[in-house]
Amino acid sequence: MLNTKHVTTSAPGKTILFGEHAVVYGKPAIAAAVDRRVYVKIEKREDNRTHVNVEELRVSGFLNLERGLIEFDNGEYEKKNILEYVLKSLIKTNTKDGLEVTINIDIPIGAGLGSSAAVTVATILSSSIYNNINLTRDEIAKQAHQVELEVQGAASPIDTTLSTHGGVIYLSKDAEEIITLDINTEIPIIIGYTSKRGNTGKLVETVKLKVEKYPQIMNPILNSMESITNHAREALVNGDQQKIGELMNINHGLLDSLGVNTEELSKMVYFARKTGALGSKITGAGGGGSIIAYCPGRVEEVISCINKFENAFKINISVEGVRLESKE
């Protein structure tokens, strides 16, 4: 079974275009896989231990797959939970100890771009191939979502679905259906991200408390976000650039009203528009992290502007999800 010496796979990150926070309350969302990827290499060790090294984070440790335990040997505490995703992903595929796992991440960490989902999906594919287990993409996505639920306690299937399948998806109301959107035009988007990171759990709880305290105010905001997402779905499919930008700007204002905006995020949002973006908004939980800017014909100008005070780069939609990179 273990004739394979090593396997390397990769999976893309993601960005949410419309619907963050509202999706927690059963509203729809639109998200896209992006061309920043995580690479996971699995190879046999000479001893019977399993070691993981996440090079960009400088985090490493030994995993005990039989007992489900982690022994950290390097790394900052707040970054170490990435090994939890690896541990549970290897357990899902009935992997036995005796492996060296090397992870390379080409996605800014903590910027709301789905790095943990990409690690999880790529690890599941690598370990399943290594163990000669054939999994369908739907099975990979399902197992990866279960891992995220076990590690985080709660998780949308958006991130793991996109890392597995790629493309652009519409998550229907109450997450009843995931629909792949057929978009034939380029979506010229840049990501701007700050070194300040938001705490997703705390931000979701902050919004929840406001919804409970002011339901007559907050519920109409969430309903408006639902309408924005549904209109945006039509605009994206039709390539209506002006409408996409306008809806993004309205969506940002509503996210601001939820209390998840920051001075750093706001500065990027408004400088992007000033430099020519048709639309810009927070992407992800907020409180730090990232914005997206929709920039037909102005991509380089917006990137140059934001890079003067934060960090920015262009993204392309990744139509390809998780994939095998090499096998020996």
C-alpha atoms as a PDB file:
ATOM      1  CA  MET A   1       0.000   0.000   0.000  1.00  0.00           C
ATOM      2  CA  LEU A   2       2.824   2.394   0.808  1.00  0.00           C
ATOM      3  CA  ASN A   3       4.905   2.051  -2.345  1.00  0.00           C
ATOM      4  CA  THR A   4       4.559   5.815  -2.791  1.00  0.00           C
ATOM      5  CA  LYS A   5       7.651   7.688  -1.582  1.00  0.00           C
ATOM      6  CA  HIS A   6       6.144  11.138  -1.523  1.00  0.00           C
ATOM      7  CA  VAL A   7       3.078  13.085  -2.656  1.00  0.00           C
ATOM      8  CA  THR A   8       2.670  16.842  -3.123  1.00  0.00           C
ATOM      9  CA  THR A   9      -0.698  18.501  -3.600  1.00  0.00           C
ATOM     10  CA  SER A  10      -1.982  22.058  -3.560  1.00  0.00           C
ATOM     11  CA  ALA A  11      -5.275  23.842  -2.881  1.00  0.00           C
ATOM     12  CA  PRO A  12      -6.370  27.453  -3.459  1.00  0.00           C
ATOM     13  CA  GLY A  13      -7.424  30.071  -0.958  1.00  0.00           C
ATOM     14  CA  LYS A  14     -10.644  32.033  -1.269  1.00  0.00           C
ATOM     15  CA  THR A  15     -12.199  35.452  -0.928  1.00  0.00           C
ATOM     16  CA  ILE A  16     -15.777  36.354  -0.068  1.00  0.00           C
ATOM     17  CA  LEU A  17     -17.229  38.788  -2.585  1.00  0.00           C
ATOM     18  CA  PHE A  18     -20.615  39.352  -0.941  1.00  0.00           C
ATOM     19  CA  GLY A  19     -22.489  38.132   2.128  1.00  0.00           C
ATOM     20  CA  GLU A  20     -19.984  37.817   5.003  1.00  0.00           C
ATOM     21  CA  HIS A  21     -21.575  37.962   8.469  1.00  0.00           C
ATOM     22  CA  ALA A  22     -25.070  37.786   6.962  1.00  0.00           C
ATOM     23  CA  VAL A  23     -24.331  34.178   6.004  1.00  0.00           C
ATOM     24  CA  VAL A  24     -24.217  33.355   9.735  1.00  0.00           C
ATOM     25  CA  TYR A  25     -27.935  34.212   9.845  1.00  0.00           C
ATOM     26  CA  GLY A  26     -28.924  32.010   6.930  1.00  0.00           C
ATOM     27  CA  LYS A  27     -28.439  34.623   4.224  1.00  0.00           C
ATOM     28  CA  PRO A  28     -26.745  33.806   0.895  1.00  0.00           C
ATOM     29  CA  ALA A  29     -23.120  34.558   0.044  1.00  0.00           C
ATOM     30  CA  ILE A  30     -20.866  34.668  -3.013  1.00  0.00           C
ATOM     31  CA  ALA A  31     -17.220  33.640  -2.833  1.00  0.00           C
ATOM     32  CA  ALA A  32     -14.392  32.753  -5.192  1.00  0.00           C
ATOM     33  CA  ALA A  33     -11.297  30.561  -5.145  1.00  0.00           C
ATOM     34  CA  VAL A  34      -8.135  32.590  -5.731  1.00  0.00           C
ATOM     35  CA  ASP A  35      -4.781  31.842  -7.307  1.00  0.00           C
ATOM     36  CA  ARG A  36      -2.840  31.853  -4.033  1.00  0.00           C
ATOM     37  CA  ARG A  37      -2.284  28.275  -2.911  1.00  0.00           C
ATOM     38  CA  VAL A  38      -1.107  26.022  -0.093  1.00  0.00           C
ATOM     39  CA  TYR A  39       1.280  23.169  -0.934  1.00  0.00           C
ATOM     40  CA  VAL A  40       1.418  20.003   1.178  1.00  0.00           C
ATOM     41  CA  LYS A  41       4.126  17.367   0.742  1.00  0.00           C
ATOM     42  CA  ILE A  42       3.933  14.002   2.520  1.00  0.00           C
ATOM     43  CA  GLU A  43       6.848  11.578   2.558  1.00  0.00           C
ATOM     44  CA  LYS A  44       7.955   8.533   4.541  1.00  0.00           C
ATOM     45  CA  ARG A  45      10.196   8.974   7.606  1.00  0.00           C
ATOM     46  CA  GLU A  46      12.730   6.399   8.740  1.00  0.00           C
ATOM     47  CA  ASP A  47      11.292   6.323  12.265  1.00  0.00           C
ATOM     48  CA  ASN A  48       7.688   5.801  13.356  1.00  0.00           C
ATOM     49  CA  ARG A  49       6.981   9.461  14.178  1.00  0.00           C
ATOM     50  CA  THR A  50       4.986  12.027  12.230  1.00  0.00           C
ATOM     51  CA  HIS A  51       6.490  15.490  11.972  1.00  0.00           C
ATOM     52  CA  VAL A  52       4.959  18.647  10.419  1.00  0.00           C
ATOM     53  CA  ASN A  53       6.839  21.761   9.362  1.00  0.00           C
ATOM     54  CA  VAL A  54       4.920  24.861   8.231  1.00  0.00           C
ATOM     55  CA  GLU A  55       7.779  26.808   6.737  1.00  0.00           C
ATOM     56  CA  GLU A  56       6.269  30.293   6.287  1.00  0.00           C
ATOM     57  CA  LEU A  57       4.940  30.334   9.861  1.00  0.00           C
ATOM     58  CA  ARG A  58       8.060  28.777  11.367  1.00  0.00           C
ATOM     59  CA  VAL A  59       5.788  26.364  13.175  1.00  0.00           C
ATOM     60  CA  SER A  60       6.610  22.695  13.580  1.00  0.00           C
ATOM     61  CA  GLY A  61       5.773  19.761  15.792  1.00  0.00           C
ATOM     62  CA  PHE A  62       5.269  16.027  16.152  1.00  0.00           C
ATOM     63  CA  LEU A  63       1.837  14.465  15.790  1.00  0.00           C
ATOM     64  CA  ASN A  64       0.669  11.308  17.512  1.00  0.00           C
ATOM     65  CA  LEU A  65      -2.020  10.146  15.113  1.00  0.00           C
ATOM     66  CA  GLU A  66      -3.036   7.153  17.212  1.00  0.00           C
ATOM     67  CA  ARG A  67      -3.720   9.266  20.300  1.00  0.00           C
ATOM     68  CA  GLY A  68      -4.636  12.519  18.515  1.00  0.00           C
ATOM     69  CA  LEU A  69      -1.953  14.562  20.283  1.00  0.00           C
ATOM     70  CA  ILE A  70       0.442  17.326  19.208  1.00  0.00           C
ATOM     71  CA  GLU A  71       3.914  17.981  20.602  1.00  0.00           C
ATOM     72  CA  PHE A  72       5.010  21.422  19.419  1.00  0.00           C
ATOM     73  CA  ASP A  73       8.738  21.957  18.957  1.00  0.00           C
ATOM     74  CA  ASN A  74       8.753  25.433  17.412  1.00  0.00           C
ATOM     75  CA  GLY A  75       6.515  28.419  16.683  1.00  0.00           C
ATOM     76  CA  GLU A  76       4.457  31.214  18.175  1.00  0.00           C
ATOM     77  CA  TYR A  77       1.508  30.013  20.239  1.00  0.00           C
ATOM     78  CA  GLU A  78      -1.220  31.801  18.245  1.00  0.00           C
ATOM     79  CA  LYS A  79      -0.004  30.197  14.999  1.00  0.00           C
ATOM     80  CA  LYS A  80       0.228  26.659  16.297  1.00  0.00           C
ATOM     81  CA  ASN A  81      -3.415  25.741  15.745  1.00  0.00           C
ATOM     82  CA  ILE A  82      -2.585  25.166  12.066  1.00  0.00           C
ATOM     83  CA  LEU A  83      -1.209  21.788  13.212  1.00  0.00           C
ATOM     84  CA  GLU A  84      -4.671  20.898  14.533  1.00  0.00           C
ATOM     85  CA  TYR A  85      -5.991  20.975  10.958  1.00  0.00           C
ATOM     86  CA  VAL A  86      -3.149  18.736   9.779  1.00  0.00           C
ATOM     87  CA  LEU A  87      -3.615  16.278  12.655  1.00  0.00           C
ATOM     88  CA  LYS A  88      -7.353  15.861  12.127  1.00  0.00           C
ATOM     89  CA  SER A  89      -6.967  15.692   8.332  1.00  0.00           C
ATOM     90  CA  LEU A  90      -4.482  12.823   8.618  1.00  0.00           C
ATOM     91  CA  ILE A  91      -6.737  11.014  11.084  1.00  0.00           C
ATOM     92  CA  LYS A  92      -9.698  11.380   8.671  1.00  0.00           C
ATOM     93  CA  THR A  93      -7.784   9.423   6.028  1.00  0.00           C
ATOM     94  CA  ASN A  94      -6.704   6.697   8.486  1.00  0.00           C
ATOM     95  CA  THR A  95      -3.052   7.663   8.112  1.00  0.00           C
ATOM     96  CA  LYS A  96      -0.512   5.884  10.321  1.00  0.00           C
ATOM     97  CA  ASP A  97       2.475   7.494  12.016  1.00  0.00           C
ATOM     98  CA  GLY A  98       5.826   7.662  10.283  1.00  0.00           C
ATOM     99  CA  LEU A  99       5.531  10.692   7.987  1.00  0.00           C
ATOM    100  CA  GLU A 100       7.259  13.989   7.289  1.00  0.00           C
ATOM    101  CA  VAL A 101       4.720  16.651   6.276  1.00  0.00           C
ATOM    102  CA  THR A 102       6.022  19.878   4.749  1.00  0.00           C
ATOM    103  CA  ILE A 103       3.609  22.765   4.196  1.00  0.00           C
ATOM    104  CA  ASN A 104       4.247  25.894   2.144  1.00  0.00           C
ATOM    105  CA  ILE A 105       1.656  28.681   2.294  1.00  0.00           C
ATOM    106  CA  ASP A 106       1.438  31.303  -0.445  1.00  0.00           C
ATOM    107  CA  ILE A 107      -1.542  32.987   1.256  1.00  0.00           C
ATOM    108  CA  PRO A 108      -1.341  35.823   3.822  1.00  0.00           C
ATOM    109  CA  ILE A 109      -2.205  34.244   7.180  1.00  0.00           C
ATOM    110  CA  GLY A 110      -5.122  35.650   9.177  1.00  0.00           C
ATOM    111  CA  ALA A 111      -6.273  37.816   6.282  1.00  0.00           C
ATOM    112  CA  GLY A 112      -9.571  36.010   5.697  1.00  0.00           C
ATOM    113  CA  LEU A 113      -8.327  34.192   2.604  1.00  0.00           C
ATOM    114  CA  GLY A 114      -9.065  30.635   3.705  1.00  0.00           C
ATOM    115  CA  SER A 115      -5.544  29.410   4.473  1.00  0.00           C
ATOM    116  CA  SER A 116      -6.704  26.851   7.055  1.00  0.00           C
ATOM    117  CA  ALA A 117      -9.242  25.355   4.638  1.00  0.00           C
ATOM    118  CA  ALA A 118      -6.596  25.129   1.918  1.00  0.00           C
ATOM    119  CA  VAL A 119      -4.206  23.373   4.325  1.00  0.00           C
ATOM    120  CA  THR A 120      -6.954  20.955   5.304  1.00  0.00           C
ATOM    121  CA  VAL A 121      -8.084  20.146   1.762  1.00  0.00           C
ATOM    122  CA  ALA A 122      -4.541  19.702   0.418  1.00  0.00           C
ATOM    123  CA  THR A 123      -3.571  17.504   3.394  1.00  0.00           C
ATOM    124  CA  ILE A 124      -6.585  15.254   2.880  1.00  0.00           C
ATOM    125  CA  LEU A 125      -5.774  14.792  -0.812  1.00  0.00           C
ATOM    126  CA  SER A 126      -2.045  14.184  -0.162  1.00  0.00           C
ATOM    127  CA  SER A 127      -2.674  11.637   2.567  1.00  0.00           C
ATOM    128  CA  SER A 128      -5.417   9.840   0.649  1.00  0.00           C
ATOM    129  CA  ILE A 129      -3.151   9.455  -2.406  1.00  0.00           C
ATOM    130  CA  TYR A 130      -0.243   8.391  -0.179  1.00  0.00           C
ATOM    131  CA  ASN A 131      -2.471   5.751   1.417  1.00  0.00           C
ATOM    132  CA  ASN A 132      -3.894   4.669  -1.947  1.00  0.00           C
ATOM    133  CA  ILE A 133      -7.391   5.823  -1.038  1.00  0.00           C
ATOM    134  CA  ASN A 134      -9.600   7.155  -3.832  1.00  0.00           C
ATOM    135  CA  LEU A 135     -11.744  10.088  -2.700  1.00  0.00           C
ATOM    136  CA  THR A 136     -14.112  12.064  -4.902  1.00  0.00           C
ATOM    137  CA  ARG A 137     -13.975  15.843  -4.719  1.00  0.00           C
ATOM    138  CA  ASP A 138     -17.277  15.862  -2.873  1.00  0.00           C
ATOM    139  CA  GLU A 139     -15.845  13.444  -0.305  1.00  0.00           C
ATOM    140  CA  ILE A 140     -12.740  15.619   0.121  1.00  0.00           C
ATOM    141  CA  ALA A 141     -14.888  18.722   0.647  1.00  0.00           C
ATOM    142  CA  LYS A 142     -17.098  16.909   3.160  1.00  0.00           C
ATOM    143  CA  GLN A 143     -14.160  15.575   5.187  1.00  0.00           C
ATOM    144  CA  ALA A 144     -12.429  18.966   5.129  1.00  0.00           C
ATOM    145  CA  HIS A 145     -15.558  20.707   6.392  1.00  0.00           C
ATOM    146  CA  GLN A 146     -15.813  18.169   9.213  1.00  0.00           C
ATOM    147  CA  VAL A 147     -12.204  18.940  10.173  1.00  0.00           C
ATOM    148  CA  GLU A 148     -12.931  22.678  10.272  1.00  0.00           C
ATOM    149  CA  LEU A 149     -15.998  22.025  12.448  1.00  0.00           C
ATOM    150  CA  GLU A 150     -13.907  19.933  14.857  1.00  0.00           C
ATOM    151  CA  VAL A 151     -11.162  22.561  15.121  1.00  0.00           C
ATOM    152  CA  GLN A 152     -13.260  25.740  15.079  1.00  0.00           C
ATOM    153  CA  GLY A 153     -16.542  24.570  16.610  1.00  0.00           C
ATOM    154  CA  ALA A 154     -18.475  26.249  13.768  1.00  0.00           C
ATOM    155  CA  ALA A 155     -17.594  26.727  10.110  1.00  0.00           C
ATOM    156  CA  SER A 156     -19.292  27.532   6.829  1.00  0.00           C
ATOM    157  CA  PRO A 157     -18.749  25.017   3.994  1.00  0.00           C
ATOM    158  CA  ILE A 158     -17.731  27.914   1.712  1.00  0.00           C
ATOM    159  CA  ASP A 159     -13.966  27.778   2.290  1.00  0.00           C
ATOM    160  CA  THR A 160     -13.527  24.029   1.979  1.00  0.00           C
ATOM    161  CA  THR A 161     -15.874  23.823  -1.025  1.00  0.00           C
ATOM    162  CA  LEU A 162     -13.893  26.460  -2.911  1.00  0.00           C
ATOM    163  CA  SER A 163     -10.500  24.958  -1.991  1.00  0.00           C
ATOM    164  CA  THR A 164     -11.738  21.619  -3.280  1.00  0.00           C
ATOM    165  CA  HIS A 165     -13.634  22.609  -6.427  1.00  0.00           C
ATOM    166  CA  GLY A 166     -12.338  26.080  -7.356  1.00  0.00           C
ATOM    167  CA  GLY A 167     -14.364  28.645  -9.284  1.00  0.00           C
ATOM    168  CA  VAL A 168     -17.015  31.059  -8.030  1.00  0.00           C
ATOM    169  CA  ILE A 169     -19.926  29.836  -5.917  1.00  0.00           C
ATOM    170  CA  TYR A 170     -23.257  31.120  -4.654  1.00  0.00           C
ATOM    171  CA  LEU A 171     -24.253  29.671  -1.290  1.00  0.00           C
ATOM    172  CA  SER A 172     -28.044  29.766  -1.195  1.00  0.00           C
ATOM    173  CA  LYS A 173     -30.201  30.881   1.709  1.00  0.00           C
ATOM    174  CA  ASP A 174     -29.808  28.671   4.807  1.00  0.00           C
ATOM    175  CA  ALA A 175     -26.869  26.936   3.042  1.00  0.00           C
ATOM    176  CA  GLU A 176     -29.323  24.595   1.331  1.00  0.00           C
ATOM    177  CA  GLU A 177     -27.458  24.581  -1.979  1.00  0.00           C
ATOM    178  CA  ILE A 178     -24.028  25.500  -3.331  1.00  0.00           C
ATOM    179  CA  ILE A 179     -24.304  26.732  -6.917  1.00  0.00           C
ATOM    180  CA  THR A 180     -21.327  27.185  -9.236  1.00  0.00           C
ATOM    181  CA  LEU A 181     -21.638  30.478 -11.102  1.00  0.00           C
ATOM    182  CA  ASP A 182     -20.826  30.462 -14.804  1.00  0.00           C
ATOM    183  CA  ILE A 183     -18.824  33.678 -15.172  1.00  0.00           C
ATOM    184  CA  ASN A 184     -17.190  34.198 -18.543  1.00  0.00           C
ATOM    185  CA  THR A 185     -15.646  37.614 -17.898  1.00  0.00           C
ATOM    186  CA  GLU A 186     -12.570  38.492 -15.860  1.00  0.00           C
ATOM    187  CA  ILE A 187     -13.156  39.751 -12.322  1.00  0.00           C
ATOM    188  CA  PRO A 188     -10.349  42.300 -11.801  1.00  0.00           C
ATOM    189  CA  ILE A 189      -9.998  42.236  -8.009  1.00  0.00           C
ATOM    190  CA  ILE A 190      -7.163  43.211  -5.724  1.00  0.00           C
ATOM    191  CA  ILE A 191      -6.711  42.208  -2.098  1.00  0.00           C
ATOM    192  CA  GLY A 192      -5.519  44.785   0.406  1.00  0.00           C
ATOM    193  CA  TYR A 193      -4.515  43.454   3.802  1.00  0.00           C
ATOM    194  CA  THR A 194      -3.244  44.874   7.036  1.00  0.00           C
ATOM    195  CA  SER A 195      -0.839  43.396   9.575  1.00  0.00           C
ATOM    196  CA  LYS A 196      -3.587  43.826  12.181  1.00  0.00           C
ATOM    197  CA  ARG A 197      -5.608  40.626  12.401  1.00  0.00           C
ATOM    198  CA  GLY A 198      -9.218  40.339  13.473  1.00  0.00           C
ATOM    199  CA  ASN A 199     -10.573  37.580  15.713  1.00  0.00           C
ATOM    200  CA  THR A 200     -13.359  35.963  13.705  1.00  0.00           C
ATOM    201  CA  GLY A 201     -15.056  34.361  16.702  1.00  0.00           C
ATOM    202  CA  LYS A 202     -15.145  37.591  18.691  1.00  0.00           C
ATOM    203  CA  LEU A 203     -16.412  39.606  15.724  1.00  0.00           C
ATOM    204  CA  VAL A 204     -19.208  37.116  15.015  1.00  0.00           C
ATOM    205  CA  GLU A 205     -20.176  37.286  18.697  1.00  0.00           C
ATOM    206  CA  THR A 206     -20.130  41.115  18.637  1.00  0.00           C
ATOM    207  CA  VAL A 207     -22.568  41.147  15.717  1.00  0.00           C
ATOM    208  CA  LYS A 208     -24.736  38.515  17.409  1.00  0.00           C
ATOM    209  CA  LEU A 209     -25.060  40.646  20.538  1.00  0.00           C
ATOM    210  CA  LYS A 210     -26.165  43.632  18.449  1.00  0.00           C
ATOM    211  CA  VAL A 211     -28.727  41.529  16.586  1.00  0.00           C
ATOM    212  CA  GLU A 212     -30.132  40.328  19.899  1.00  0.00           C
ATOM    213  CA  LYS A 213     -30.153  43.828  21.412  1.00  0.00           C
ATOM    214  CA  TYR A 214     -31.506  45.722  18.390  1.00  0.00           C
ATOM    215  CA  PRO A 215     -33.412  43.186  16.256  1.00  0.00           C
ATOM    216  CA  GLN A 216     -35.650  45.788  14.618  1.00  0.00           C
ATOM    217  CA  ILE A 217     -32.551  47.658  13.425  1.00  0.00           C
ATOM    218  CA  MET A 218     -30.168  44.814  12.697  1.00  0.00           C
ATOM    219  CA  ASN A 219     -32.498  42.373  10.930  1.00  0.00           C
ATOM    220  CA  PRO A 220     -33.320  44.849   8.137  1.00  0.00           C
ATOM    221  CA  ILE A 221     -29.569  45.338   7.632  1.00  0.00           C
ATOM    222  CA  LEU A 222     -29.094  41.592   7.251  1.00  0.00           C
ATOM    223  CA  ASN A 223     -32.067  41.433   4.872  1.00  0.00           C
ATOM    224  CA  SER A 224     -30.505  44.206   2.791  1.00  0.00           C
ATOM    225  CA  MET A 225     -27.284  42.208   2.625  1.00  0.00           C
ATOM    226  CA  GLU A 226     -29.295  39.286   1.280  1.00  0.00           C
ATOM    227  CA  SER A 227     -30.755  41.495  -1.452  1.00  0.00           C
ATOM    228  CA  ILE A 228     -27.290  42.816  -2.320  1.00  0.00           C
ATOM    229  CA  THR A 229     -25.916  39.279  -2.707  1.00  0.00           C
ATOM    230  CA  ASN A 230     -28.792  38.216  -4.954  1.00  0.00           C
ATOM    231  CA  HIS A 231     -28.415  41.312  -7.150  1.00  0.00           C
ATOM    232  CA  ALA A 232     -24.637  40.785  -7.223  1.00  0.00           C
ATOM    233  CA  ARG A 233     -25.091  37.217  -8.465  1.00  0.00           C
ATOM    234  CA  GLU A 234     -26.977  38.530 -11.483  1.00  0.00           C
ATOM    235  CA  ALA A 235     -24.472  41.354 -12.057  1.00  0.00           C
ATOM    236  CA  LEU A 236     -21.480  38.988 -11.958  1.00  0.00           C
ATOM    237  CA  VAL A 237     -23.025  36.544 -14.408  1.00  0.00           C
ATOM    238  CA  ASN A 238     -23.954  39.418 -16.762  1.00  0.00           C
ATOM    239  CA  GLY A 239     -20.608  41.208 -16.366  1.00  0.00           C
ATOM    240  CA  ASP A 240     -22.286  44.450 -15.239  1.00  0.00           C
ATOM    241  CA  GLN A 241     -19.217  46.262 -13.914  1.00  0.00           C
ATOM    242  CA  GLN A 242     -20.970  49.385 -12.675  1.00  0.00           C
ATOM    243  CA  LYS A 243     -23.537  47.408 -10.730  1.00  0.00           C
ATOM    244  CA  ILE A 244     -20.916  45.118  -9.182  1.00  0.00           C
ATOM    245  CA  GLY A 245     -19.006  48.149  -7.912  1.00  0.00           C
ATOM    246  CA  GLU A 246     -22.068  49.929  -6.568  1.00  0.00           C
ATOM    247  CA  LEU A 247     -23.250  46.825  -4.715  1.00  0.00           C
ATOM    248  CA  MET A 248     -19.801  46.337  -3.209  1.00  0.00           C
ATOM    249  CA  ASN A 249     -19.816  49.893  -1.869  1.00  0.00           C
ATOM    250  CA  ILE A 250     -23.294  49.502  -0.368  1.00  0.00           C
ATOM    251  CA  ASN A 251     -22.277  46.161   1.172  1.00  0.00           C
ATOM    252  CA  HIS A 252     -19.267  47.813   2.812  1.00  0.00           C
ATOM    253  CA  GLY A 253     -21.471  50.491   4.372  1.00  0.00           C
ATOM    254  CA  LEU A 254     -23.688  47.826   5.902  1.00  0.00           C
ATOM    255  CA  LEU A 255     -20.677  45.915   7.241  1.00  0.00           C
ATOM    256  CA  ASP A 256     -19.499  49.177   8.801  1.00  0.00           C
ATOM    257  CA  SER A 257     -22.881  49.498  10.501  1.00  0.00           C
ATOM    258  CA  LEU A 258     -22.373  46.043  12.048  1.00  0.00           C
ATOM    259  CA  GLY A 259     -19.270  47.356  13.794  1.00  0.00           C
ATOM    260  CA  VAL A 260     -16.658  45.194  12.039  1.00  0.00           C
ATOM    261  CA  ASN A 261     -14.832  48.003  10.242  1.00  0.00           C
ATOM    262  CA  THR A 262     -11.535  49.502  11.427  1.00  0.00           C
ATOM    263  CA  GLU A 263      -9.591  52.638  10.617  1.00  0.00           C
ATOM    264  CA  GLU A 264      -7.018  50.574   8.704  1.00  0.00           C
ATOM    265  CA  LEU A 265      -9.639  48.770   6.620  1.00  0.00           C
ATOM    266  CA  SER A 266     -11.568  51.974   5.982  1.00  0.00           C
ATOM    267  CA  LYS A 267      -8.442  53.752   4.776  1.00  0.00           C
ATOM    268  CA  MET A 268      -7.772  51.022   2.215  1.00  0.00           C
ATOM    269  CA  VAL A 269     -11.408  50.960   1.088  1.00  0.00           C
ATOM    270  CA  TYR A 270     -11.615  54.696   0.437  1.00  0.00           C
ATOM    271  CA  PHE A 271      -8.144  55.084  -1.060  1.00  0.00           C
ATOM    272  CA  ALA A 272      -8.987  52.257  -3.475  1.00  0.00           C
ATOM    273  CA  ARG A 273     -12.108  54.103  -4.619  1.00  0.00           C
ATOM    274  CA  LYS A 274     -10.221  57.387  -4.838  1.00  0.00           C
ATOM    275  CA  THR A 275      -7.649  55.715  -7.078  1.00  0.00           C
ATOM    276  CA  GLY A 276     -10.293  54.374  -9.456  1.00  0.00           C
ATOM    277  CA  ALA A 277     -11.829  51.202  -8.018  1.00  0.00           C
ATOM    278  CA  LEU A 278     -15.512  50.923  -8.925  1.00  0.00           C
ATOM    279  CA  GLY A 279     -16.174  49.192  -5.627  1.00  0.00           C
ATOM    280  CA  SER A 280     -14.365  48.171  -2.441  1.00  0.00           C
ATOM    281  CA  LYS A 281     -15.357  46.516   0.799  1.00  0.00           C
ATOM    282  CA  ILE A 282     -14.233  44.447   3.750  1.00  0.00           C
ATOM    283  CA  THR A 283     -13.850  40.778   2.921  1.00  0.00           C
ATOM    284  CA  GLY A 284     -14.162  38.214   5.687  1.00  0.00           C
ATOM    285  CA  ALA A 285     -14.862  38.916   9.338  1.00  0.00           C
ATOM    286  CA  GLY A 286     -13.328  42.411   9.509  1.00  0.00           C
ATOM    287  CA  GLY A 287     -11.730  43.900  12.605  1.00  0.00           C
ATOM    288  CA  GLY A 288      -8.428  43.721  10.722  1.00  0.00           C
ATOM    289  CA  GLY A 289      -7.540  41.434   7.865  1.00  0.00           C
ATOM    290  CA  SER A 290      -8.512  42.283   4.313  1.00  0.00           C
ATOM    291  CA  ILE A 291     -10.489  44.305   1.829  1.00  0.00           C
ATOM    292  CA  ILE A 292     -11.279  43.600  -1.792  1.00  0.00           C
ATOM    293  CA  ALA A 293     -11.393  46.250  -4.501  1.00  0.00           C
ATOM    294  CA  TYR A 294     -13.045  45.785  -7.885  1.00  0.00           C
ATOM    295  CA  CYS A 295     -10.787  47.642 -10.313  1.00  0.00           C
ATOM    296  CA  PRO A 296     -11.572  47.309 -14.032  1.00  0.00           C
ATOM    297  CA  GLY A 297      -8.754  49.100 -15.856  1.00  0.00           C
ATOM    298  CA  ARG A 298      -7.178  50.415 -12.628  1.00  0.00           C
ATOM    299  CA  VAL A 299      -5.588  47.365 -11.017  1.00  0.00           C
ATOM    300  CA  GLU A 300      -1.973  48.549 -11.001  1.00  0.00           C
ATOM    301  CA  GLU A 301      -2.895  52.049  -9.822  1.00  0.00           C
ATOM    302  CA  VAL A 302      -4.900  50.734  -6.854  1.00  0.00           C
ATOM    303  CA  ILE A 303      -2.194  48.236  -5.874  1.00  0.00           C
ATOM    304  CA  SER A 304       0.465  50.967  -6.002  1.00  0.00           C
ATOM    305  CA  CYS A 305      -1.661  53.276  -3.858  1.00  0.00           C
ATOM    306  CA  ILE A 306      -2.411  50.755  -1.113  1.00  0.00           C
ATOM    307  CA  ASN A 307       1.153  49.443  -1.046  1.00  0.00           C
ATOM    308  CA  LYS A 308       2.288  52.852   0.121  1.00  0.00           C
ATOM    309  CA  PHE A 309       0.775  52.220   3.560  1.00  0.00           C
ATOM    310  CA  GLU A 310      -0.415  48.573   3.714  1.00  0.00           C
ATOM    311  CA  ASN A 311      -0.102  45.504   1.475  1.00  0.00           C
ATOM    312  CA  ALA A 312      -1.914  44.718  -1.752  1.00  0.00           C
ATOM    313  CA  PHE A 313      -1.784  42.266  -4.638  1.00  0.00           C
ATOM    314  CA  LYS A 314      -3.920  41.236  -7.581  1.00  0.00           C
ATOM    315  CA  ILE A 315      -5.811  37.989  -7.469  1.00  0.00           C
ATOM    316  CA  ASN A 316      -7.170  35.876 -10.276  1.00  0.00           C
ATOM    317  CA  ILE A 317     -10.059  33.498  -9.911  1.00  0.00           C
ATOM    318  CA  SER A 318      -8.779  29.935  -9.686  1.00  0.00           C
ATOM    319  CA  VAL A 319     -11.051  27.704 -11.740  1.00  0.00           C
ATOM    320  CA  GLU A 320      -9.012  24.721 -10.537  1.00  0.00           C
ATOM    321  CA  GLY A 321      -9.432  23.483  -6.996  1.00  0.00           C
ATOM    322  CA  VAL A 322      -7.258  20.981  -5.149  1.00  0.00           C
ATOM    323  CA  ARG A 323      -4.807  19.160  -7.385  1.00  0.00           C
ATOM    324  CA  LEU A 324      -1.935  16.685  -7.423  1.00  0.00           C
ATOM    325  CA  GLU A 325       1.387  18.441  -8.039  1.00  0.00           C
ATOM    326  CA  SER A 326       3.785  15.482  -7.984  1.00  0.00           C
ATOM    327  CA  LYS A 327       3.991  11.851  -6.916  1.00  0.00           C
ATOM    328  CA  GLU A 328       6.842   9.361  -6.751  1.00  0.00           C
END
